[in-house]
Amino acid sequence: MLDKIKVKQAVVVEGRYDRAVLESVIDAVIFPVNGFGVYKDKKKLALIRRYAETTGVILLTDSDNAGRQIRDYLKSTLKGCTVEHLYVPNLLEVEDTAVEVLRNLFEPFGSRRAEGVSPPVSRADIPRITRERLFDDGFIGGVDSAKKRKALLALMNLPENLSVTSLLEVLNKCGSEEYEKFILQ
């Protein structure tokens, strides 16, 4: 099995097919912005901004006019944040780009590891917030869990339909302090 490249930054792409292709190449948080839907989705933009301010983001859009428009919009929206730009060659769409080309694009941003082989665990790799913690704190599995989770998402300016798995990613990468403050309320 081919190895994936572990990328610390979140990766922003245009659509879900782009995301599907990248998931076979990299191990990273990947946000599809749904093309021009990015202009209207303020909560997704806020989430991307949160990553851009903490771990950084990599923008990878198609090389066509629409891709350039979306990239320019995100570039201006994320001004002052850590943003890297990757480009697919020759007016290709990300989803149609050869896997080896994508691997070469992401190589400088991460490290390769064999599938199924865990990297050495350091204290920084251990999640501070787990599903069990969310359960114990009443955010999953309880009568009012959905309501409590929705309030946390609103406070953190995150999409209200964010999955528990995505919420954990956000909390452990850049939002555990807000979570702790919310719990103490």
Foldseek 3Di string as FASTA:
>chain_A
DFWAWEFQAEEEEADDLLVVLNVVHHDHHYHHCPQPVVVVPVLVLLLNLLRQAFRRYEYEYFPDPSRVVVVVVSCVSNPPGHYHYFYDPDRDGSSPGDSVSVNVRCVVRGHIDHPPDDDDDDPLNDFPDDPVNLVVLQLPDDDCNLVLVQVLCVVSSHDSPDDPVRVSVCCRRGNVVSVVVSSVD
